[in-house]
Amino acid sequence: MSQDGGGIDLDTSLGYLLKEASSALRSAMEEVLRPLGMTITHYSCLELLAQRPGLSNSELARGAFVTRQSMNVLLQALERDGFVTRPPEAPVGKALPTTLTPRGRSSLAQATAAVRSVEVRMLAGMTDDEQAAALRALRSMVRSLRDSPR
C-alpha cells in the first residue's frame, strides 16, 4: 500500500502488474533467444516478415515497437548476415519491401519454438477459459487506451 494514501497501491495496481508481467516475459524471452544469437527485436522482425512478407522498414518498426532508425540498423545487419533480402531499389515509392531468406526461415523456426516454450510456461497455471478471458481483457485494454481521447 502507499504510505501517504495518495499514490498508487502497487499490490493492487493492474498497470503495475502488467508492467511486471511484461518485464518477466521479456527476461524469459531474452534467456531463450540469446543462445540462438537473437534479440527480441530480431525475433519480432523475422516473425513479422514470416506473417506479413514485404513489410517496409516503417511497418516493421511499428510492429516491433522500435524506432525506424533502430529497425533500419537491424535490417542492414539481417541482410548482411543472410536472414532477409531487400531490393536495391523500391519497386513503388520509397519503401524497400523485405522478405525472409531460407536461412531466416530456419532461424525463425528455432526461435519460434523457444518463444512458444516461454508462453506455454507463462500460461501453465491457467485453464483454457482463463487464457481466453485474459486475451479478451488485454485486447480490451489495448483498444481502450488507443481509442480513447487523451
N, C-alpha and C. Protein backbone atom coordinates (compact mmCIF):
# COMPACT_ATOMS: atom_id res chain seq x y z
N MET A 1 0.83 -1.18 0.00
CA MET A 1 0.00 0.00 0.00
C MET A 1 0.87 1.24 0.00
N SER A 2 0.33 2.32 -0.52
CA SER A 2 1.09 3.57 -0.50
C SER A 2 1.10 4.12 0.91
N GLN A 3 2.19 4.75 1.28
CA GLN A 3 2.33 5.22 2.65
C GLN A 3 1.54 6.50 2.91
N ASP A 4 1.38 7.34 1.91
CA ASP A 4 0.69 8.60 2.15
C ASP A 4 -0.78 8.57 1.74
N GLY A 5 -1.25 7.45 1.23
CA GLY A 5 -2.65 7.34 0.84
C GLY A 5 -2.98 8.01 -0.47
N GLY A 6 -2.03 8.75 -1.08
CA GLY A 6 -2.33 9.46 -2.32
C GLY A 6 -1.75 8.80 -3.55
N GLY A 7 -0.87 7.83 -3.37
CA GLY A 7 -0.23 7.19 -4.51
C GLY A 7 -0.98 5.95 -4.95
N ILE A 8 -0.39 5.26 -5.87
CA ILE A 8 -0.96 4.02 -6.38
C ILE A 8 -0.56 2.87 -5.47
N ASP A 9 -1.51 2.02 -5.14
CA ASP A 9 -1.23 0.83 -4.35
C ASP A 9 -0.65 -0.22 -5.30
N LEU A 10 0.65 -0.43 -5.23
CA LEU A 10 1.32 -1.33 -6.17
C LEU A 10 0.84 -2.77 -6.05
N ASP A 11 0.35 -3.16 -4.88
CA ASP A 11 -0.14 -4.53 -4.70
C ASP A 11 -1.43 -4.79 -5.47
N THR A 12 -2.18 -3.74 -5.78
CA THR A 12 -3.46 -3.92 -6.47
C THR A 12 -3.53 -3.16 -7.80
N SER A 13 -2.45 -2.54 -8.21
CA SER A 13 -2.43 -1.78 -9.46
C SER A 13 -2.29 -2.72 -10.65
N LEU A 14 -3.32 -2.75 -11.49
CA LEU A 14 -3.27 -3.59 -12.68
C LEU A 14 -2.17 -3.13 -13.63
N GLY A 15 -1.99 -1.83 -13.76
CA GLY A 15 -0.93 -1.31 -14.63
C GLY A 15 0.44 -1.75 -14.17
N TYR A 16 0.68 -1.71 -12.86
CA TYR A 16 1.97 -2.13 -12.32
C TYR A 16 2.17 -3.63 -12.54
N LEU A 17 1.13 -4.41 -12.34
CA LEU A 17 1.21 -5.86 -12.53
C LEU A 17 1.47 -6.20 -14.01
N LEU A 18 0.83 -5.45 -14.92
CA LEU A 18 1.09 -5.66 -16.35
C LEU A 18 2.55 -5.37 -16.69
N LYS A 19 3.08 -4.31 -16.11
CA LYS A 19 4.48 -3.96 -16.35
C LYS A 19 5.40 -5.04 -15.78
N GLU A 20 5.06 -5.56 -14.61
CA GLU A 20 5.86 -6.62 -14.00
C GLU A 20 5.81 -7.89 -14.86
N ALA A 21 4.62 -8.23 -15.36
CA ALA A 21 4.46 -9.39 -16.24
C ALA A 21 5.25 -9.18 -17.54
N SER A 22 5.18 -7.98 -18.09
CA SER A 22 5.91 -7.66 -19.31
C SER A 22 7.41 -7.81 -19.11
N SER A 23 7.90 -7.35 -17.98
CA SER A 23 9.32 -7.44 -17.68
C SER A 23 9.74 -8.90 -17.51
N ALA A 24 8.93 -9.69 -16.82
CA ALA A 24 9.24 -11.12 -16.63
C ALA A 24 9.22 -11.85 -17.97
N LEU A 25 8.24 -11.53 -18.82
CA LEU A 25 8.15 -12.16 -20.14
C LEU A 25 9.36 -11.79 -20.98
N ARG A 26 9.74 -10.53 -20.96
CA ARG A 26 10.90 -10.08 -21.73
C ARG A 26 12.17 -10.80 -21.28
N SER A 27 12.37 -10.91 -19.98
CA SER A 27 13.56 -11.60 -19.46
C SER A 27 13.58 -13.06 -19.88
N ALA A 28 12.44 -13.73 -19.79
CA ALA A 28 12.35 -15.14 -20.17
C ALA A 28 12.61 -15.32 -21.66
N MET A 29 12.07 -14.41 -22.48
CA MET A 29 12.30 -14.49 -23.93
C MET A 29 13.77 -14.23 -24.26
N GLU A 30 14.37 -13.23 -23.61
CA GLU A 30 15.79 -12.95 -23.85
C GLU A 30 16.64 -14.16 -23.51
N GLU A 31 16.27 -14.85 -22.44
CA GLU A 31 17.02 -16.03 -21.98
C GLU A 31 17.01 -17.15 -23.02
N VAL A 32 15.87 -17.38 -23.68
CA VAL A 32 15.81 -18.47 -24.66
C VAL A 32 16.30 -18.04 -26.04
N LEU A 33 16.27 -16.75 -26.33
CA LEU A 33 16.73 -16.27 -27.64
C LEU A 33 18.24 -16.05 -27.69
N ARG A 34 18.82 -15.70 -26.56
CA ARG A 34 20.26 -15.40 -26.52
C ARG A 34 21.12 -16.54 -27.08
N PRO A 35 20.87 -17.82 -26.69
CA PRO A 35 21.70 -18.90 -27.26
C PRO A 35 21.54 -19.06 -28.78
N LEU A 36 20.47 -18.52 -29.32
CA LEU A 36 20.25 -18.58 -30.77
C LEU A 36 20.87 -17.38 -31.48
N GLY A 37 21.52 -16.50 -30.70
CA GLY A 37 22.15 -15.31 -31.28
C GLY A 37 21.14 -14.24 -31.66
N MET A 38 19.99 -14.24 -30.99
CA MET A 38 18.92 -13.29 -31.32
C MET A 38 18.54 -12.41 -30.15
N THR A 39 18.03 -11.24 -30.51
CA THR A 39 17.37 -10.37 -29.55
C THR A 39 15.87 -10.48 -29.78
N ILE A 40 15.10 -9.91 -28.89
CA ILE A 40 13.64 -9.92 -29.05
C ILE A 40 13.26 -9.14 -30.31
N THR A 41 13.92 -8.04 -30.57
CA THR A 41 13.61 -7.25 -31.77
C THR A 41 13.95 -8.02 -33.03
N HIS A 42 15.07 -8.72 -33.03
CA HIS A 42 15.48 -9.57 -34.16
C HIS A 42 14.39 -10.62 -34.41
N TYR A 43 13.99 -11.31 -33.35
CA TYR A 43 12.94 -12.33 -33.46
C TYR A 43 11.63 -11.71 -33.96
N SER A 44 11.24 -10.59 -33.37
CA SER A 44 9.98 -9.94 -33.76
C SER A 44 9.98 -9.57 -35.23
N CYS A 45 11.10 -9.07 -35.71
CA CYS A 45 11.23 -8.69 -37.11
C CYS A 45 11.04 -9.91 -38.02
N LEU A 46 11.72 -11.00 -37.70
CA LEU A 46 11.59 -12.21 -38.52
C LEU A 46 10.16 -12.76 -38.47
N GLU A 47 9.56 -12.74 -37.30
CA GLU A 47 8.18 -13.25 -37.15
C GLU A 47 7.20 -12.39 -37.95
N LEU A 48 7.37 -11.09 -37.89
CA LEU A 48 6.51 -10.19 -38.67
C LEU A 48 6.66 -10.45 -40.16
N LEU A 49 7.88 -10.64 -40.61
CA LEU A 49 8.12 -10.88 -42.04
C LEU A 49 7.56 -12.23 -42.49
N ALA A 50 7.58 -13.22 -41.61
CA ALA A 50 7.02 -14.53 -41.95
C ALA A 50 5.50 -14.43 -42.12
N GLN A 51 4.89 -13.62 -41.27
CA GLN A 51 3.43 -13.50 -41.30
C GLN A 51 2.94 -12.45 -42.29
N ARG A 52 3.78 -11.47 -42.58
CA ARG A 52 3.40 -10.38 -43.50
C ARG A 52 4.57 -10.03 -44.41
N PRO A 53 4.88 -10.90 -45.36
CA PRO A 53 6.04 -10.67 -46.24
C PRO A 53 5.94 -9.32 -46.96
N GLY A 54 7.10 -8.69 -47.14
CA GLY A 54 7.15 -7.46 -47.90
C GLY A 54 6.93 -6.20 -47.10
N LEU A 55 6.87 -6.31 -45.76
CA LEU A 55 6.68 -5.10 -44.96
C LEU A 55 7.86 -4.14 -45.15
N SER A 56 7.57 -2.87 -45.04
CA SER A 56 8.61 -1.85 -45.15
C SER A 56 9.30 -1.66 -43.79
N ASN A 57 10.38 -0.91 -43.80
CA ASN A 57 11.11 -0.57 -42.59
C ASN A 57 10.17 0.06 -41.56
N SER A 58 9.36 1.02 -41.98
CA SER A 58 8.45 1.71 -41.06
C SER A 58 7.42 0.76 -40.47
N GLU A 59 6.87 -0.12 -41.30
CA GLU A 59 5.87 -1.08 -40.81
C GLU A 59 6.50 -2.07 -39.83
N LEU A 60 7.71 -2.51 -40.13
CA LEU A 60 8.41 -3.41 -39.22
C LEU A 60 8.72 -2.72 -37.89
N ALA A 61 9.14 -1.48 -37.95
CA ALA A 61 9.46 -0.73 -36.73
C ALA A 61 8.22 -0.61 -35.84
N ARG A 62 7.09 -0.27 -36.45
CA ARG A 62 5.84 -0.18 -35.66
C ARG A 62 5.48 -1.52 -35.04
N GLY A 63 5.59 -2.58 -35.83
CA GLY A 63 5.24 -3.91 -35.34
C GLY A 63 6.15 -4.44 -34.26
N ALA A 64 7.41 -4.01 -34.27
CA ALA A 64 8.39 -4.47 -33.28
C ALA A 64 8.57 -3.47 -32.14
N PHE A 65 7.84 -2.36 -32.19
CA PHE A 65 7.87 -1.35 -31.13
C PHE A 65 9.25 -0.70 -30.97
N VAL A 66 9.89 -0.40 -32.11
CA VAL A 66 11.17 0.30 -32.10
C VAL A 66 11.11 1.47 -33.07
N THR A 67 12.13 2.30 -33.05
CA THR A 67 12.18 3.43 -33.99
C THR A 67 12.54 2.93 -35.39
N ARG A 68 12.23 3.74 -36.38
CA ARG A 68 12.60 3.40 -37.76
C ARG A 68 14.12 3.29 -37.90
N GLN A 69 14.84 4.17 -37.20
CA GLN A 69 16.29 4.14 -37.26
C GLN A 69 16.84 2.83 -36.70
N SER A 70 16.30 2.39 -35.55
CA SER A 70 16.75 1.11 -34.97
C SER A 70 16.43 -0.05 -35.90
N MET A 71 15.25 -0.02 -36.51
CA MET A 71 14.88 -1.10 -37.42
C MET A 71 15.77 -1.09 -38.65
N ASN A 72 16.12 0.08 -39.14
CA ASN A 72 16.99 0.15 -40.31
C ASN A 72 18.34 -0.47 -40.02
N VAL A 73 18.90 -0.18 -38.84
CA VAL A 73 20.19 -0.78 -38.46
C VAL A 73 20.05 -2.30 -38.37
N LEU A 74 18.95 -2.78 -37.77
CA LEU A 74 18.73 -4.22 -37.66
C LEU A 74 18.58 -4.86 -39.04
N LEU A 75 17.80 -4.24 -39.92
CA LEU A 75 17.59 -4.80 -41.25
C LEU A 75 18.90 -4.87 -42.04
N GLN A 76 19.74 -3.87 -41.89
CA GLN A 76 21.04 -3.90 -42.57
C GLN A 76 21.85 -5.10 -42.09
N ALA A 77 21.84 -5.34 -40.77
CA ALA A 77 22.57 -6.49 -40.21
C ALA A 77 21.96 -7.81 -40.66
N LEU A 78 20.62 -7.89 -40.64
CA LEU A 78 19.95 -9.12 -41.06
C LEU A 78 20.20 -9.41 -42.54
N GLU A 79 20.24 -8.36 -43.34
CA GLU A 79 20.53 -8.53 -44.76
C GLU A 79 21.98 -8.97 -44.97
N ARG A 80 22.89 -8.32 -44.28
CA ARG A 80 24.32 -8.66 -44.37
C ARG A 80 24.57 -10.12 -43.96
N ASP A 81 23.82 -10.59 -42.93
CA ASP A 81 24.01 -11.94 -42.41
C ASP A 81 23.16 -13.00 -43.13
N GLY A 82 22.41 -12.58 -44.15
CA GLY A 82 21.68 -13.53 -44.98
C GLY A 82 20.33 -13.99 -44.46
N PHE A 83 19.74 -13.25 -43.52
CA PHE A 83 18.43 -13.61 -42.98
C PHE A 83 17.28 -13.02 -43.78
N VAL A 84 17.52 -11.88 -44.42
CA VAL A 84 16.48 -11.20 -45.21
C VAL A 84 17.09 -10.68 -46.50
N THR A 85 16.21 -10.37 -47.45
CA THR A 85 16.64 -9.70 -48.67
C THR A 85 15.75 -8.48 -48.88
N ARG A 86 16.36 -7.47 -49.49
CA ARG A 86 15.63 -6.26 -49.90
C ARG A 86 16.11 -5.88 -51.28
N PRO A 87 15.20 -5.39 -52.11
CA PRO A 87 15.64 -5.00 -53.45
C PRO A 87 16.54 -3.76 -53.37
N PRO A 88 17.43 -3.60 -54.36
CA PRO A 88 18.32 -2.43 -54.34
C PRO A 88 17.56 -1.12 -54.50
N GLU A 89 16.41 -1.20 -55.18
CA GLU A 89 15.58 0.00 -55.39
C GLU A 89 14.14 -0.35 -55.06
N ALA A 90 13.41 0.64 -54.58
CA ALA A 90 12.00 0.44 -54.24
C ALA A 90 11.19 0.22 -55.51
N PRO A 91 10.37 -0.85 -55.54
CA PRO A 91 9.54 -1.09 -56.73
C PRO A 91 8.48 0.00 -56.91
N VAL A 92 7.99 0.55 -55.81
CA VAL A 92 7.00 1.62 -55.83
C VAL A 92 7.31 2.56 -54.67
N GLY A 93 7.29 3.84 -54.90
CA GLY A 93 7.54 4.78 -53.81
C GLY A 93 8.96 4.67 -53.29
N LYS A 94 9.11 4.82 -51.95
CA LYS A 94 10.44 4.77 -51.35
C LYS A 94 10.67 3.51 -50.51
N ALA A 95 9.60 2.78 -50.19
CA ALA A 95 9.72 1.62 -49.30
C ALA A 95 10.41 0.44 -49.98
N LEU A 96 11.37 -0.15 -49.26
CA LEU A 96 12.05 -1.35 -49.73
C LEU A 96 11.40 -2.55 -49.05
N PRO A 97 10.58 -3.33 -49.77
CA PRO A 97 9.94 -4.48 -49.14
C PRO A 97 10.97 -5.55 -48.76
N THR A 98 10.84 -6.08 -47.57
CA THR A 98 11.80 -7.04 -47.04
C THR A 98 11.18 -8.43 -47.01
N THR A 99 11.96 -9.44 -47.38
CA THR A 99 11.48 -10.82 -47.33
C THR A 99 12.52 -11.71 -46.65
N LEU A 100 12.03 -12.78 -46.03
CA LEU A 100 12.91 -13.74 -45.38
C LEU A 100 13.62 -14.62 -46.41
N THR A 101 14.83 -14.98 -46.11
CA THR A 101 15.58 -15.95 -46.90
C THR A 101 15.36 -17.33 -46.27
N PRO A 102 15.78 -18.39 -46.93
CA PRO A 102 15.70 -19.71 -46.29
C PRO A 102 16.43 -19.74 -44.94
N ARG A 103 17.57 -19.08 -44.86
CA ARG A 103 18.29 -19.02 -43.59
C ARG A 103 17.46 -18.30 -42.53
N GLY A 104 16.80 -17.23 -42.92
CA GLY A 104 15.94 -16.51 -41.99
C GLY A 104 14.78 -17.36 -41.51
N ARG A 105 14.19 -18.14 -42.41
CA ARG A 105 13.08 -19.03 -42.04
C ARG A 105 13.53 -20.12 -41.07
N SER A 106 14.69 -20.68 -41.33
CA SER A 106 15.24 -21.73 -40.46
C SER A 106 15.53 -21.18 -39.07
N SER A 107 16.14 -20.02 -39.02
CA SER A 107 16.45 -19.38 -37.74
C SER A 107 15.16 -19.03 -37.00
N LEU A 108 14.18 -18.55 -37.73
CA LEU A 108 12.89 -18.21 -37.13
C LEU A 108 12.21 -19.44 -36.54
N ALA A 109 12.29 -20.57 -37.21
CA ALA A 109 11.65 -21.79 -36.70
C ALA A 109 12.20 -22.16 -35.33
N GLN A 110 13.51 -22.06 -35.15
CA GLN A 110 14.12 -22.35 -33.85
C GLN A 110 13.66 -21.33 -32.80
N ALA A 111 13.66 -20.07 -33.18
CA ALA A 111 13.28 -19.02 -32.24
C ALA A 111 11.81 -19.12 -31.84
N THR A 112 10.96 -19.44 -32.80
CA THR A 112 9.54 -19.57 -32.52
C THR A 112 9.29 -20.68 -31.51
N ALA A 113 9.97 -21.80 -31.67
CA ALA A 113 9.83 -22.91 -30.72
C ALA A 113 10.28 -22.47 -29.32
N ALA A 114 11.37 -21.74 -29.25
CA ALA A 114 11.88 -21.27 -27.96
C ALA A 114 10.91 -20.29 -27.31
N VAL A 115 10.41 -19.35 -28.08
CA VAL A 115 9.47 -18.35 -27.55
C VAL A 115 8.15 -19.01 -27.16
N ARG A 116 7.71 -19.96 -27.95
CA ARG A 116 6.48 -20.68 -27.63
C ARG A 116 6.62 -21.42 -26.30
N SER A 117 7.80 -21.96 -26.01
CA SER A 117 8.02 -22.65 -24.74
C SER A 117 7.87 -21.68 -23.56
N VAL A 118 8.28 -20.45 -23.76
CA VAL A 118 8.13 -19.43 -22.71
C VAL A 118 6.64 -19.14 -22.49
N GLU A 119 5.90 -19.00 -23.58
CA GLU A 119 4.47 -18.71 -23.47
C GLU A 119 3.73 -19.87 -22.80
N VAL A 120 4.08 -21.09 -23.15
CA VAL A 120 3.47 -22.26 -22.52
C VAL A 120 3.73 -22.24 -21.02
N ARG A 121 4.97 -21.92 -20.64
CA ARG A 121 5.32 -21.85 -19.21
C ARG A 121 4.53 -20.74 -18.51
N MET A 122 4.40 -19.60 -19.19
CA MET A 122 3.67 -18.46 -18.62
C MET A 122 2.21 -18.80 -18.37
N LEU A 123 1.61 -19.58 -19.25
CA LEU A 123 0.18 -19.88 -19.16
C LEU A 123 -0.12 -21.19 -18.44
N ALA A 124 0.89 -21.88 -17.96
CA ALA A 124 0.73 -23.21 -17.37
C ALA A 124 -0.28 -23.27 -16.22
N GLY A 125 -0.40 -22.22 -15.46
CA GLY A 125 -1.30 -22.22 -14.31
C GLY A 125 -2.73 -21.79 -14.63
N MET A 126 -3.03 -21.61 -15.91
CA MET A 126 -4.35 -21.11 -16.30
C MET A 126 -5.11 -22.15 -17.13
N THR A 127 -6.42 -22.20 -16.91
CA THR A 127 -7.27 -23.07 -17.73
C THR A 127 -7.46 -22.42 -19.10
N ASP A 128 -8.00 -23.17 -20.04
CA ASP A 128 -8.28 -22.62 -21.37
C ASP A 128 -9.24 -21.44 -21.26
N ASP A 129 -10.25 -21.55 -20.40
CA ASP A 129 -11.20 -20.44 -20.22
C ASP A 129 -10.52 -19.20 -19.64
N GLU A 130 -9.62 -19.40 -18.69
CA GLU A 130 -8.90 -18.28 -18.09
C GLU A 130 -7.98 -17.62 -19.12
N GLN A 131 -7.34 -18.43 -19.96
CA GLN A 131 -6.49 -17.88 -21.01
C GLN A 131 -7.31 -17.05 -21.99
N ALA A 132 -8.48 -17.57 -22.38
CA ALA A 132 -9.34 -16.83 -23.31
C ALA A 132 -9.83 -15.54 -22.68
N ALA A 133 -10.16 -15.57 -21.40
CA ALA A 133 -10.62 -14.37 -20.70
C ALA A 133 -9.49 -13.34 -20.60
N ALA A 134 -8.28 -13.81 -20.33
CA ALA A 134 -7.13 -12.89 -20.25
C ALA A 134 -6.87 -12.24 -21.60
N LEU A 135 -6.97 -13.02 -22.66
CA LEU A 135 -6.78 -12.48 -24.01
C LEU A 135 -7.82 -11.41 -24.32
N ARG A 136 -9.07 -11.69 -23.99
CA ARG A 136 -10.13 -10.69 -24.23
C ARG A 136 -9.88 -9.43 -23.40
N ALA A 137 -9.50 -9.60 -22.15
CA ALA A 137 -9.27 -8.45 -21.27
C ALA A 137 -8.11 -7.59 -21.78
N LEU A 138 -7.02 -8.23 -22.17
CA LEU A 138 -5.87 -7.48 -22.66
C LEU A 138 -6.20 -6.75 -23.96
N ARG A 139 -6.91 -7.41 -24.86
CA ARG A 139 -7.31 -6.74 -26.11
C ARG A 139 -8.20 -5.54 -25.82
N SER A 140 -9.10 -5.69 -24.87
CA SER A 140 -9.98 -4.59 -24.49
C SER A 140 -9.19 -3.42 -23.92
N MET A 141 -8.18 -3.72 -23.10
CA MET A 141 -7.35 -2.65 -22.51
C MET A 141 -6.60 -1.90 -23.60
N VAL A 142 -6.02 -2.63 -24.55
CA VAL A 142 -5.28 -2.00 -25.64
C VAL A 142 -6.23 -1.11 -26.45
N ARG A 143 -7.39 -1.64 -26.79
CA ARG A 143 -8.38 -0.86 -27.55
C ARG A 143 -8.77 0.41 -26.80
N SER A 144 -9.05 0.27 -25.52
CA SER A 144 -9.46 1.44 -24.72
C SER A 144 -8.39 2.52 -24.70
N LEU A 145 -7.15 2.11 -24.54
CA LEU A 145 -6.06 3.10 -24.49
C LEU A 145 -5.79 3.73 -25.85
N ARG A 146 -5.94 2.96 -26.90
CA ARG A 146 -5.68 3.51 -28.24
C ARG A 146 -6.82 4.35 -28.77
N ASP A 147 -8.04 3.98 -28.41
CA ASP A 147 -9.23 4.65 -28.98
C ASP A 147 -9.72 5.84 -28.18
N SER A 148 -9.42 5.89 -26.88
CA SER A 148 -9.96 6.98 -26.09
C SER A 148 -9.13 8.24 -26.19
N PRO A 149 -9.80 9.39 -26.11
CA PRO A 149 -9.06 10.66 -26.18
C PRO A 149 -8.13 10.80 -24.98
N ARG A 150 -7.07 11.51 -25.20
CA ARG A 150 -6.07 11.68 -24.12
C ARG A 150 -6.42 12.79 -23.21
